[in-house]
């Protein structure tokens, strides 16, 4: 162990370096990162958005950030696999806590998320958000596009999320179509991976359906993503229902026939060439989970994002 301290989330004196908390004890920030609202010196910020009022099936993703943080405790101390090093040796990461939302006035939710996200992004830090249902990606996309221009969207999902939208809906199934129509994402450089449902339109976004993903190697999937995105600023969103319910039962709208967590994590590992400017993992609903299977998958996705950032810093 690096030291005899515990509750690293509060006692850490530096934003870098491993913690020494036992896996089974200590304050549960994401991967034991320091809890702070001070953005100074942070390369990356982990932020929870506990919102699930936009779901079309089972609610519960408001508890996703808590579950992901709890599951992430297993990743600290040892060098993180498959990156084979302490991700925090040089990468300064903080846990910014959660977004405060008014549960009785959902129409204020998008602006609240966008405003707080913009504040974090102005610091120059990379923003890694933990949902929450997939609607939270809409205001996150707006905040990132305000800084980088139209984004290439890389979406891991069982659903296209391009259903009808009047521009005011609070709906986790329509935000992608809205983002295309409003010029927030560039469909010509965007791609959806793992789709196993039909929607009325594809909005010009490339799709790797579930059956294609099943037949492709992880390297081929990663190559297709990188080729589609090119050198555009990319936002990566991972709906945990991209995974087959065997690997992610704890979600609101599970769809059979999806890929394994091992395969999708291998894809993420090979996306180092992306100009990734923001990322999230959403739709973890622990009430339907078993033995933290889904929470562990969600935490693994988030850890892989940080692994890609750490590799970028190293280069």
C-alpha atoms as a PDB file:
ATOM      1  CA  UNK A   1       0.000   0.000   0.000  1.00  0.00           C
ATOM      2  CA  UNK A   2       1.252   3.524  -0.803  1.00  0.00           C
ATOM      3  CA  UNK A   3       0.442   4.794   2.712  1.00  0.00           C
ATOM      4  CA  UNK A   4      -1.580   4.075   5.836  1.00  0.00           C
ATOM      5  CA  UNK A   5      -4.215   6.730   5.116  1.00  0.00           C
ATOM      6  CA  UNK A   6      -7.871   5.961   4.500  1.00  0.00           C
ATOM      7  CA  UNK A   7     -10.774   7.942   3.001  1.00  0.00           C
ATOM      8  CA  UNK A   8      -8.500   9.143   0.223  1.00  0.00           C
ATOM      9  CA  UNK A   9     -11.475  10.926  -1.334  1.00  0.00           C
ATOM     10  CA  UNK A  10     -11.157  13.474   1.487  1.00  0.00           C
ATOM     11  CA  UNK A  11      -7.611  13.084   2.802  1.00  0.00           C
ATOM     12  CA  UNK A  12      -5.660  13.117  -0.470  1.00  0.00           C
ATOM     13  CA  UNK A  13      -3.028  15.829  -0.596  1.00  0.00           C
ATOM     14  CA  UNK A  14      -2.516  15.524  -4.348  1.00  0.00           C
ATOM     15  CA  UNK A  15      -4.765  15.019  -7.378  1.00  0.00           C
ATOM     16  CA  UNK A  16      -2.396  12.333  -8.678  1.00  0.00           C
ATOM     17  CA  UNK A  17      -1.260   9.006  -7.262  1.00  0.00           C
ATOM     18  CA  UNK A  18      -2.983   5.877  -6.021  1.00  0.00           C
ATOM     19  CA  UNK A  19      -5.031   5.584  -2.846  1.00  0.00           C
ATOM     20  CA  UNK A  20      -4.487   3.068  -0.060  1.00  0.00           C
ATOM     21  CA  UNK A  21      -8.087   2.413   1.023  1.00  0.00           C
ATOM     22  CA  UNK A  22      -9.089  -1.245   1.333  1.00  0.00           C
ATOM     23  CA  UNK A  23     -11.480  -2.286  -1.429  1.00  0.00           C
ATOM     24  CA  UNK A  24     -14.194  -2.898   1.168  1.00  0.00           C
ATOM     25  CA  UNK A  25     -13.852   0.377   3.104  1.00  0.00           C
ATOM     26  CA  UNK A  26     -13.324   4.096   2.727  1.00  0.00           C
ATOM     27  CA  UNK A  27     -15.211   6.960   1.102  1.00  0.00           C
ATOM     28  CA  UNK A  28     -16.595   5.896  -2.269  1.00  0.00           C
ATOM     29  CA  UNK A  29     -15.598   8.537  -4.773  1.00  0.00           C
ATOM     30  CA  UNK A  30     -14.906   7.339  -8.305  1.00  0.00           C
ATOM     31  CA  UNK A  31     -11.714   5.270  -8.085  1.00  0.00           C
ATOM     32  CA  UNK A  32     -10.964   7.027  -4.757  1.00  0.00           C
ATOM     33  CA  UNK A  33     -10.294  10.342  -6.479  1.00  0.00           C
ATOM     34  CA  UNK A  34     -10.407  13.445  -4.319  1.00  0.00           C
ATOM     35  CA  UNK A  35     -13.875  14.922  -3.816  1.00  0.00           C
ATOM     36  CA  UNK A  36     -13.625  18.617  -4.581  1.00  0.00           C
ATOM     37  CA  UNK A  37     -15.362  21.477  -6.367  1.00  0.00           C
ATOM     38  CA  UNK A  38     -11.988  23.110  -6.985  1.00  0.00           C
ATOM     39  CA  UNK A  39     -11.203  22.570 -10.663  1.00  0.00           C
ATOM     40  CA  UNK A  40      -7.703  24.027 -10.522  1.00  0.00           C
ATOM     41  CA  UNK A  41      -5.079  21.596 -11.771  1.00  0.00           C
ATOM     42  CA  UNK A  42      -7.565  18.881 -12.816  1.00  0.00           C
ATOM     43  CA  UNK A  43      -6.915  17.121 -16.116  1.00  0.00           C
ATOM     44  CA  UNK A  44     -10.203  15.246 -15.871  1.00  0.00           C
ATOM     45  CA  UNK A  45     -13.392  15.651 -13.841  1.00  0.00           C
ATOM     46  CA  UNK A  46     -15.775  12.822 -12.952  1.00  0.00           C
ATOM     47  CA  UNK A  47     -19.313  14.118 -12.431  1.00  0.00           C
ATOM     48  CA  UNK A  48     -22.546  12.325 -11.535  1.00  0.00           C
ATOM     49  CA  UNK A  49     -25.921  13.262 -13.032  1.00  0.00           C
ATOM     50  CA  UNK A  50     -28.587  11.371 -11.020  1.00  0.00           C
ATOM     51  CA  UNK A  51     -31.579  11.866 -13.339  1.00  0.00           C
ATOM     52  CA  UNK A  52     -34.016   9.254 -14.675  1.00  0.00           C
ATOM     53  CA  UNK A  53     -37.296  11.089 -15.337  1.00  0.00           C
ATOM     54  CA  UNK A  54     -36.936  10.650 -19.112  1.00  0.00           C
ATOM     55  CA  UNK A  55     -37.116   6.854 -19.273  1.00  0.00           C
ATOM     56  CA  UNK A  56     -39.584   4.984 -21.461  1.00  0.00           C
ATOM     57  CA  UNK A  57     -39.434   1.741 -19.467  1.00  0.00           C
ATOM     58  CA  UNK A  58     -37.916   1.017 -16.051  1.00  0.00           C
ATOM     59  CA  UNK A  59     -36.719   3.924 -13.866  1.00  0.00           C
ATOM     60  CA  UNK A  60     -33.789   3.742 -11.463  1.00  0.00           C
ATOM     61  CA  UNK A  61     -30.798   5.184 -13.318  1.00  0.00           C
ATOM     62  CA  UNK A  62     -30.749   8.087 -10.863  1.00  0.00           C
ATOM     63  CA  UNK A  63     -28.886   5.654  -8.620  1.00  0.00           C
ATOM     64  CA  UNK A  64     -26.355   4.909 -11.353  1.00  0.00           C
ATOM     65  CA  UNK A  65     -23.627   7.329 -10.206  1.00  0.00           C
ATOM     66  CA  UNK A  66     -23.678   5.846  -6.687  1.00  0.00           C
ATOM     67  CA  UNK A  67     -23.457   2.296  -8.022  1.00  0.00           C
ATOM     68  CA  UNK A  68     -20.658   3.085 -10.462  1.00  0.00           C
ATOM     69  CA  UNK A  69     -18.620   4.809  -7.758  1.00  0.00           C
ATOM     70  CA  UNK A  70     -19.080   1.838  -5.430  1.00  0.00           C
ATOM     71  CA  UNK A  71     -18.031  -0.645  -8.113  1.00  0.00           C
ATOM     72  CA  UNK A  72     -15.009   1.455  -9.083  1.00  0.00           C
ATOM     73  CA  UNK A  73     -13.323   0.800  -5.730  1.00  0.00           C
ATOM     74  CA  UNK A  74     -11.939  -2.484  -7.092  1.00  0.00           C
ATOM     75  CA  UNK A  75      -9.843  -0.629  -9.678  1.00  0.00           C
ATOM     76  CA  UNK A  76      -7.648   1.451  -7.399  1.00  0.00           C
ATOM     77  CA  UNK A  77      -4.241   0.556  -5.874  1.00  0.00           C
ATOM     78  CA  UNK A  78      -3.034  -1.940  -8.489  1.00  0.00           C
ATOM     79  CA  UNK A  79      -1.982  -0.903 -12.021  1.00  0.00           C
ATOM     80  CA  UNK A  80      -5.207  -0.717 -14.011  1.00  0.00           C
ATOM     81  CA  UNK A  81      -5.769  -3.485 -16.541  1.00  0.00           C
ATOM     82  CA  UNK A  82      -5.310  -3.432 -19.512  1.00  0.00           C
ATOM     83  CA  UNK A  83      -3.246  -0.234 -19.352  1.00  0.00           C
ATOM     84  CA  UNK A  84      -0.586  -1.808 -17.088  1.00  0.00           C
ATOM     85  CA  UNK A  85       0.161   1.307 -15.075  1.00  0.00           C
ATOM     86  CA  UNK A  86      -1.213   3.599 -12.402  1.00  0.00           C
ATOM     87  CA  UNK A  87      -3.477   5.848 -14.462  1.00  0.00           C
ATOM     88  CA  UNK A  88      -3.078   8.587 -11.875  1.00  0.00           C
ATOM     89  CA  UNK A  89       0.712   8.723 -11.823  1.00  0.00           C
ATOM     90  CA  UNK A  90       0.543  11.796 -14.059  1.00  0.00           C
ATOM     91  CA  UNK A  91      -3.179  12.259 -14.783  1.00  0.00           C
ATOM     92  CA  UNK A  92      -4.877  14.592 -12.288  1.00  0.00           C
ATOM     93  CA  UNK A  93      -8.482  13.461 -11.766  1.00  0.00           C
ATOM     94  CA  UNK A  94     -11.099  14.715  -9.320  1.00  0.00           C
ATOM     95  CA  UNK A  95     -14.585  13.562  -8.397  1.00  0.00           C
ATOM     96  CA  UNK A  96     -16.768  16.655  -8.671  1.00  0.00           C
ATOM     97  CA  UNK A  97     -19.711  14.993  -6.952  1.00  0.00           C
ATOM     98  CA  UNK A  98     -23.212  15.168  -8.431  1.00  0.00           C
ATOM     99  CA  UNK A  99     -25.354  17.670 -10.290  1.00  0.00           C
ATOM    100  CA  UNK A 100     -28.071  19.179  -8.085  1.00  0.00           C
ATOM    101  CA  UNK A 101     -31.412  18.874  -9.872  1.00  0.00           C
ATOM    102  CA  UNK A 102     -34.934  19.930  -8.903  1.00  0.00           C
ATOM    103  CA  UNK A 103     -36.928  16.681  -8.938  1.00  0.00           C
ATOM    104  CA  UNK A 104     -40.183  18.657  -9.094  1.00  0.00           C
ATOM    105  CA  UNK A 105     -39.322  20.771 -12.132  1.00  0.00           C
ATOM    106  CA  UNK A 106     -37.842  18.644 -14.882  1.00  0.00           C
ATOM    107  CA  UNK A 107     -38.066  21.400 -17.485  1.00  0.00           C
ATOM    108  CA  UNK A 108     -35.161  23.079 -15.695  1.00  0.00           C
ATOM    109  CA  UNK A 109     -33.002  19.957 -15.874  1.00  0.00           C
ATOM    110  CA  UNK A 110     -31.402  20.424 -19.333  1.00  0.00           C
ATOM    111  CA  UNK A 111     -30.279  23.989 -18.655  1.00  0.00           C
ATOM    112  CA  UNK A 112     -28.981  23.071 -15.206  1.00  0.00           C
ATOM    113  CA  UNK A 113     -26.838  20.243 -16.587  1.00  0.00           C
ATOM    114  CA  UNK A 114     -25.600  22.312 -19.525  1.00  0.00           C
ATOM    115  CA  UNK A 115     -24.683  25.289 -17.331  1.00  0.00           C
ATOM    116  CA  UNK A 116     -22.714  23.216 -14.819  1.00  0.00           C
ATOM    117  CA  UNK A 117     -21.017  21.201 -17.577  1.00  0.00           C
ATOM    118  CA  UNK A 118     -19.964  24.422 -19.317  1.00  0.00           C
ATOM    119  CA  UNK A 119     -18.427  25.662 -16.073  1.00  0.00           C
ATOM    120  CA  UNK A 120     -16.349  22.492 -15.771  1.00  0.00           C
ATOM    121  CA  UNK A 121     -15.285  22.614 -19.415  1.00  0.00           C
ATOM    122  CA  UNK A 122     -14.148  26.226 -19.136  1.00  0.00           C
ATOM    123  CA  UNK A 123     -11.476  25.015 -16.695  1.00  0.00           C
ATOM    124  CA  UNK A 124      -9.886  23.071 -19.539  1.00  0.00           C
ATOM    125  CA  UNK A 125     -10.543  19.701 -17.904  1.00  0.00           C
ATOM    126  CA  UNK A 126     -11.921  16.648 -19.664  1.00  0.00           C
ATOM    127  CA  UNK A 127     -15.457  15.889 -18.431  1.00  0.00           C
ATOM    128  CA  UNK A 128     -16.443  12.283 -17.729  1.00  0.00           C
ATOM    129  CA  UNK A 129     -20.115  12.115 -16.744  1.00  0.00           C
ATOM    130  CA  UNK A 130     -21.929   9.284 -14.963  1.00  0.00           C
ATOM    131  CA  UNK A 131     -25.668   9.027 -15.661  1.00  0.00           C
ATOM    132  CA  UNK A 132     -28.506   8.968 -15.162  1.00  0.00           C
ATOM    133  CA  UNK A 133     -30.665   8.045 -18.129  1.00  0.00           C
ATOM    134  CA  UNK A 134     -29.558   8.829 -21.666  1.00  0.00           C
ATOM    135  CA  UNK A 135     -31.369  12.149 -21.850  1.00  0.00           C
ATOM    136  CA  UNK A 136     -28.525  13.696 -19.838  1.00  0.00           C
ATOM    137  CA  UNK A 137     -26.295  13.331 -22.903  1.00  0.00           C
ATOM    138  CA  UNK A 138     -28.320  16.012 -24.718  1.00  0.00           C
ATOM    139  CA  UNK A 139     -27.290  18.980 -22.524  1.00  0.00           C
ATOM    140  CA  UNK A 140     -23.774  17.519 -22.258  1.00  0.00           C
ATOM    141  CA  UNK A 141     -23.494  17.504 -26.050  1.00  0.00           C
ATOM    142  CA  UNK A 142     -24.644  21.131 -26.181  1.00  0.00           C
ATOM    143  CA  UNK A 143     -22.042  22.190 -23.628  1.00  0.00           C
ATOM    144  CA  UNK A 144     -19.241  20.411 -25.501  1.00  0.00           C
ATOM    145  CA  UNK A 145     -20.373  21.661 -28.925  1.00  0.00           C
ATOM    146  CA  UNK A 146     -20.365  25.242 -27.636  1.00  0.00           C
ATOM    147  CA  UNK A 147     -16.643  24.791 -27.043  1.00  0.00           C
ATOM    148  CA  UNK A 148     -15.610  22.541 -29.954  1.00  0.00           C
ATOM    149  CA  UNK A 149     -18.251  23.062 -32.642  1.00  0.00           C
ATOM    150  CA  UNK A 150     -20.332  20.221 -34.150  1.00  0.00           C
ATOM    151  CA  UNK A 151     -19.243  16.923 -32.651  1.00  0.00           C
ATOM    152  CA  UNK A 152     -18.678  13.454 -34.013  1.00  0.00           C
ATOM    153  CA  UNK A 153     -20.867  11.207 -31.861  1.00  0.00           C
ATOM    154  CA  UNK A 154     -19.661   7.713 -31.010  1.00  0.00           C
ATOM    155  CA  UNK A 155     -22.651   5.993 -29.436  1.00  0.00           C
ATOM    156  CA  UNK A 156     -22.564   2.507 -27.925  1.00  0.00           C
ATOM    157  CA  UNK A 157     -26.223   1.568 -27.556  1.00  0.00           C
ATOM    158  CA  UNK A 158     -28.978  -0.909 -28.299  1.00  0.00           C
ATOM    159  CA  UNK A 159     -31.197   1.992 -29.424  1.00  0.00           C
ATOM    160  CA  UNK A 160     -30.780   4.740 -32.019  1.00  0.00           C
ATOM    161  CA  UNK A 161     -32.518   7.401 -29.875  1.00  0.00           C
ATOM    162  CA  UNK A 162     -33.825   9.180 -32.973  1.00  0.00           C
ATOM    163  CA  UNK A 163     -37.540   9.021 -32.204  1.00  0.00           C
ATOM    164  CA  UNK A 164     -39.950  11.956 -32.596  1.00  0.00           C
ATOM    165  CA  UNK A 165     -38.907  15.102 -30.790  1.00  0.00           C
ATOM    166  CA  UNK A 166     -40.677  18.457 -30.718  1.00  0.00           C
ATOM    167  CA  UNK A 167     -37.613  20.202 -29.337  1.00  0.00           C
ATOM    168  CA  UNK A 168     -38.995  20.320 -25.803  1.00  0.00           C
ATOM    169  CA  UNK A 169     -39.375  16.669 -24.850  1.00  0.00           C
ATOM    170  CA  UNK A 170     -37.622  15.234 -21.806  1.00  0.00           C
ATOM    171  CA  UNK A 171     -37.029  11.863 -23.461  1.00  0.00           C
ATOM    172  CA  UNK A 172     -34.065   9.498 -23.476  1.00  0.00           C
ATOM    173  CA  UNK A 173     -35.105   8.102 -26.866  1.00  0.00           C
ATOM    174  CA  UNK A 174     -35.063  11.221 -29.031  1.00  0.00           C
ATOM    175  CA  UNK A 175     -32.043  13.316 -28.139  1.00  0.00           C
ATOM    176  CA  UNK A 176     -29.833  12.066 -31.012  1.00  0.00           C
ATOM    177  CA  UNK A 177     -32.299  13.182 -33.682  1.00  0.00           C
ATOM    178  CA  UNK A 178     -32.595  16.550 -31.961  1.00  0.00           C
ATOM    179  CA  UNK A 179     -28.817  16.917 -31.829  1.00  0.00           C
ATOM    180  CA  UNK A 180     -28.573  16.278 -35.580  1.00  0.00           C
ATOM    181  CA  UNK A 181     -31.352  18.730 -36.451  1.00  0.00           C
ATOM    182  CA  UNK A 182     -29.855  21.421 -34.203  1.00  0.00           C
ATOM    183  CA  UNK A 183     -26.364  20.996 -35.649  1.00  0.00           C
ATOM    184  CA  UNK A 184     -24.867  19.836 -32.354  1.00  0.00           C
ATOM    185  CA  UNK A 185     -23.486  16.644 -33.896  1.00  0.00           C
ATOM    186  CA  UNK A 186     -22.242  15.972 -37.410  1.00  0.00           C
ATOM    187  CA  UNK A 187     -23.988  12.811 -38.655  1.00  0.00           C
ATOM    188  CA  UNK A 188     -21.476  12.337 -41.483  1.00  0.00           C
ATOM    189  CA  UNK A 189     -18.794  11.629 -38.872  1.00  0.00           C
ATOM    190  CA  UNK A 190     -20.970   9.888 -36.253  1.00  0.00           C
ATOM    191  CA  UNK A 191     -21.526   6.198 -35.626  1.00  0.00           C
ATOM    192  CA  UNK A 192     -23.742   3.997 -33.465  1.00  0.00           C
ATOM    193  CA  UNK A 193     -22.472   0.621 -32.272  1.00  0.00           C
ATOM    194  CA  UNK A 194     -24.562  -2.339 -31.100  1.00  0.00           C
ATOM    195  CA  UNK A 195     -28.005  -1.184 -32.311  1.00  0.00           C
ATOM    196  CA  UNK A 196     -30.631  -3.921 -31.884  1.00  0.00           C
ATOM    197  CA  UNK A 197     -33.889  -2.036 -32.414  1.00  0.00           C
ATOM    198  CA  UNK A 198     -35.517  -0.122 -35.268  1.00  0.00           C
ATOM    199  CA  UNK A 199     -36.264   3.604 -35.264  1.00  0.00           C
ATOM    200  CA  UNK A 200     -38.060   5.649 -37.950  1.00  0.00           C
ATOM    201  CA  UNK A 201     -34.851   7.344 -39.170  1.00  0.00           C
ATOM    202  CA  UNK A 202     -31.088   7.041 -38.945  1.00  0.00           C
ATOM    203  CA  UNK A 203     -30.421  10.786 -39.428  1.00  0.00           C
ATOM    204  CA  UNK A 204     -27.447   9.952 -41.655  1.00  0.00           C
ATOM    205  CA  UNK A 205     -25.497   8.331 -38.810  1.00  0.00           C
ATOM    206  CA  UNK A 206     -23.559   5.147 -39.628  1.00  0.00           C
ATOM    207  CA  UNK A 207     -24.820   2.077 -37.760  1.00  0.00           C
ATOM    208  CA  UNK A 208     -23.107  -1.134 -36.716  1.00  0.00           C
ATOM    209  CA  UNK A 209     -26.063  -3.310 -35.806  1.00  0.00           C
ATOM    210  CA  UNK A 210     -25.902  -5.962 -33.129  1.00  0.00           C
ATOM    211  CA  UNK A 211     -25.597  -8.831 -35.599  1.00  0.00           C
ATOM    212  CA  UNK A 212     -22.691  -7.092 -37.368  1.00  0.00           C
ATOM    213  CA  UNK A 213     -20.929  -6.429 -34.067  1.00  0.00           C
ATOM    214  CA  UNK A 214     -21.325 -10.103 -33.214  1.00  0.00           C
ATOM    215  CA  UNK A 215     -19.532 -11.114 -36.412  1.00  0.00           C
ATOM    216  CA  UNK A 216     -16.768  -8.474 -36.263  1.00  0.00           C
ATOM    217  CA  UNK A 217     -13.558  -8.551 -34.248  1.00  0.00           C
ATOM    218  CA  UNK A 218     -13.027  -5.793 -31.705  1.00  0.00           C
ATOM    219  CA  UNK A 219     -10.184  -4.365 -33.801  1.00  0.00           C
ATOM    220  CA  UNK A 220     -12.474  -4.145 -36.840  1.00  0.00           C
ATOM    221  CA  UNK A 221     -15.097  -2.283 -34.831  1.00  0.00           C
ATOM    222  CA  UNK A 222     -12.508   0.164 -33.503  1.00  0.00           C
ATOM    223  CA  UNK A 223     -11.147   0.700 -37.027  1.00  0.00           C
ATOM    224  CA  UNK A 224     -14.665   1.434 -38.334  1.00  0.00           C
ATOM    225  CA  UNK A 225     -15.224   3.991 -35.570  1.00  0.00           C
ATOM    226  CA  UNK A 226     -11.912   5.754 -36.154  1.00  0.00           C
ATOM    227  CA  UNK A 227     -12.441   5.813 -39.928  1.00  0.00           C
ATOM    228  CA  UNK A 228     -15.915   7.333 -39.536  1.00  0.00           C
ATOM    229  CA  UNK A 229     -14.867   9.993 -37.023  1.00  0.00           C
ATOM    230  CA  UNK A 230     -11.594  10.996 -38.646  1.00  0.00           C
ATOM    231  CA  UNK A 231      -9.954  13.978 -36.975  1.00  0.00           C
ATOM    232  CA  UNK A 232     -13.212  15.526 -35.720  1.00  0.00           C
ATOM    233  CA  UNK A 233     -13.703  16.279 -32.008  1.00  0.00           C
ATOM    234  CA  UNK A 234     -15.566  13.220 -30.731  1.00  0.00           C
ATOM    235  CA  UNK A 235     -17.989  12.754 -27.869  1.00  0.00           C
ATOM    236  CA  UNK A 236     -18.284   9.123 -26.726  1.00  0.00           C
ATOM    237  CA  UNK A 237     -21.480   8.017 -25.012  1.00  0.00           C
ATOM    238  CA  UNK A 238     -21.923   4.489 -23.687  1.00  0.00           C
ATOM    239  CA  UNK A 239     -25.443   3.360 -22.878  1.00  0.00           C
ATOM    240  CA  UNK A 240     -24.881   0.268 -20.761  1.00  0.00           C
ATOM    241  CA  UNK A 241     -27.738  -1.493 -22.589  1.00  0.00           C
ATOM    242  CA  UNK A 242     -25.362  -1.747 -25.552  1.00  0.00           C
ATOM    243  CA  UNK A 243     -24.197  -4.858 -23.708  1.00  0.00           C
ATOM    244  CA  UNK A 244     -26.246  -8.028 -23.715  1.00  0.00           C
ATOM    245  CA  UNK A 245     -28.437  -8.337 -20.578  1.00  0.00           C
ATOM    246  CA  UNK A 246     -26.208 -11.234 -19.514  1.00  0.00           C
ATOM    247  CA  UNK A 247     -23.479  -8.643 -18.923  1.00  0.00           C
ATOM    248  CA  UNK A 248     -25.691  -5.684 -17.959  1.00  0.00           C
ATOM    249  CA  UNK A 249     -29.038  -6.760 -16.465  1.00  0.00           C
ATOM    250  CA  UNK A 250     -29.303  -3.603 -14.363  1.00  0.00           C
ATOM    251  CA  UNK A 251     -30.666  -1.194 -16.926  1.00  0.00           C
ATOM    252  CA  UNK A 252     -34.002   0.287 -17.894  1.00  0.00           C
ATOM    253  CA  UNK A 253     -34.461  -1.009 -21.444  1.00  0.00           C
ATOM    254  CA  UNK A 254     -32.461  -4.235 -21.891  1.00  0.00           C
ATOM    255  CA  UNK A 255     -32.309  -5.871 -25.339  1.00  0.00           C
ATOM    256  CA  UNK A 256     -31.101  -9.419 -25.937  1.00  0.00           C
ATOM    257  CA  UNK A 257     -28.504 -10.263 -28.563  1.00  0.00           C
ATOM    258  CA  UNK A 258     -25.839  -7.760 -27.564  1.00  0.00           C
ATOM    259  CA  UNK A 259     -22.073  -7.995 -27.230  1.00  0.00           C
ATOM    260  CA  UNK A 260     -20.088  -8.975 -24.166  1.00  0.00           C
ATOM    261  CA  UNK A 261     -18.446  -6.486 -21.837  1.00  0.00           C
ATOM    262  CA  UNK A 262     -15.066  -8.005 -22.771  1.00  0.00           C
ATOM    263  CA  UNK A 263     -15.584  -7.250 -26.455  1.00  0.00           C
ATOM    264  CA  UNK A 264     -16.763  -3.671 -25.986  1.00  0.00           C
ATOM    265  CA  UNK A 265     -14.010  -2.882 -23.509  1.00  0.00           C
ATOM    266  CA  UNK A 266     -11.529  -4.182 -26.075  1.00  0.00           C
ATOM    267  CA  UNK A 267     -13.051  -1.793 -28.613  1.00  0.00           C
ATOM    268  CA  UNK A 268     -12.706   1.126 -26.218  1.00  0.00           C
ATOM    269  CA  UNK A 269      -9.087   0.231 -25.490  1.00  0.00           C
ATOM    270  CA  UNK A 270      -8.300   0.585 -29.194  1.00  0.00           C
ATOM    271  CA  UNK A 271      -9.793   4.075 -29.632  1.00  0.00           C
ATOM    272  CA  UNK A 272      -6.659   5.975 -28.649  1.00  0.00           C
ATOM    273  CA  UNK A 273      -6.547   7.648 -32.077  1.00  0.00           C
ATOM    274  CA  UNK A 274      -9.854   9.419 -31.452  1.00  0.00           C
ATOM    275  CA  UNK A 275      -9.794  13.099 -30.619  1.00  0.00           C
ATOM    276  CA  UNK A 276     -12.095  12.396 -27.674  1.00  0.00           C
ATOM    277  CA  UNK A 277     -13.233  15.647 -26.037  1.00  0.00           C
ATOM    278  CA  UNK A 278     -15.913  14.281 -23.681  1.00  0.00           C
ATOM    279  CA  UNK A 279     -17.525  11.031 -22.592  1.00  0.00           C
ATOM    280  CA  UNK A 280     -20.232   9.498 -20.467  1.00  0.00           C
ATOM    281  CA  UNK A 281     -21.661   6.181 -19.322  1.00  0.00           C
ATOM    282  CA  UNK A 282     -25.402   6.092 -18.729  1.00  0.00           C
ATOM    283  CA  UNK A 283     -28.473   3.951 -17.924  1.00  0.00           C
ATOM    284  CA  UNK A 284     -26.975   1.909 -15.074  1.00  0.00           C
ATOM    285  CA  UNK A 285     -30.011   1.085 -12.910  1.00  0.00           C
ATOM    286  CA  UNK A 286     -28.796  -0.875  -9.857  1.00  0.00           C
ATOM    287  CA  UNK A 287     -32.259  -1.924  -8.659  1.00  0.00           C
ATOM    288  CA  UNK A 288     -32.326  -4.497 -11.493  1.00  0.00           C
ATOM    289  CA  UNK A 289     -28.693  -5.508 -11.118  1.00  0.00           C
ATOM    290  CA  UNK A 290     -27.251  -8.753  -9.737  1.00  0.00           C
ATOM    291  CA  UNK A 291     -24.003  -8.854  -7.747  1.00  0.00           C
ATOM    292  CA  UNK A 292     -23.081  -5.428  -9.184  1.00  0.00           C
ATOM    293  CA  UNK A 293     -22.567  -6.931 -12.668  1.00  0.00           C
ATOM    294  CA  UNK A 294     -23.861  -3.834 -14.452  1.00  0.00           C
ATOM    295  CA  UNK A 295     -22.233  -1.372 -12.078  1.00  0.00           C
ATOM    296  CA  UNK A 296     -18.876  -3.091 -12.574  1.00  0.00           C
ATOM    297  CA  UNK A 297     -19.339  -2.914 -16.349  1.00  0.00           C
ATOM    298  CA  UNK A 298     -20.207   0.789 -16.115  1.00  0.00           C
ATOM    299  CA  UNK A 299     -17.223   1.516 -13.885  1.00  0.00           C
ATOM    300  CA  UNK A 300     -15.009  -0.411 -16.301  1.00  0.00           C
ATOM    301  CA  UNK A 301     -16.194   1.719 -19.224  1.00  0.00           C
ATOM    302  CA  UNK A 302     -15.459   4.894 -17.248  1.00  0.00           C
ATOM    303  CA  UNK A 303     -12.038   3.584 -16.216  1.00  0.00           C
ATOM    304  CA  UNK A 304     -11.231   2.847 -19.870  1.00  0.00           C
ATOM    305  CA  UNK A 305     -12.004   6.459 -20.769  1.00  0.00           C
ATOM    306  CA  UNK A 306      -9.444   7.556 -18.184  1.00  0.00           C
ATOM    307  CA  UNK A 307      -7.023   4.961 -19.534  1.00  0.00           C
ATOM    308  CA  UNK A 308      -7.268   6.542 -22.991  1.00  0.00           C
ATOM    309  CA  UNK A 309      -6.642   9.978 -21.447  1.00  0.00           C
ATOM    310  CA  UNK A 310      -3.666   8.710 -19.482  1.00  0.00           C
ATOM    311  CA  UNK A 311      -2.212   7.228 -22.671  1.00  0.00           C
ATOM    312  CA  UNK A 312      -2.668  10.581 -24.381  1.00  0.00           C
ATOM    313  CA  UNK A 313      -0.856  12.356 -21.534  1.00  0.00           C
ATOM    314  CA  UNK A 314       1.944   9.804 -21.687  1.00  0.00           C
ATOM    315  CA  UNK A 315       2.443  10.370 -25.418  1.00  0.00           C
END
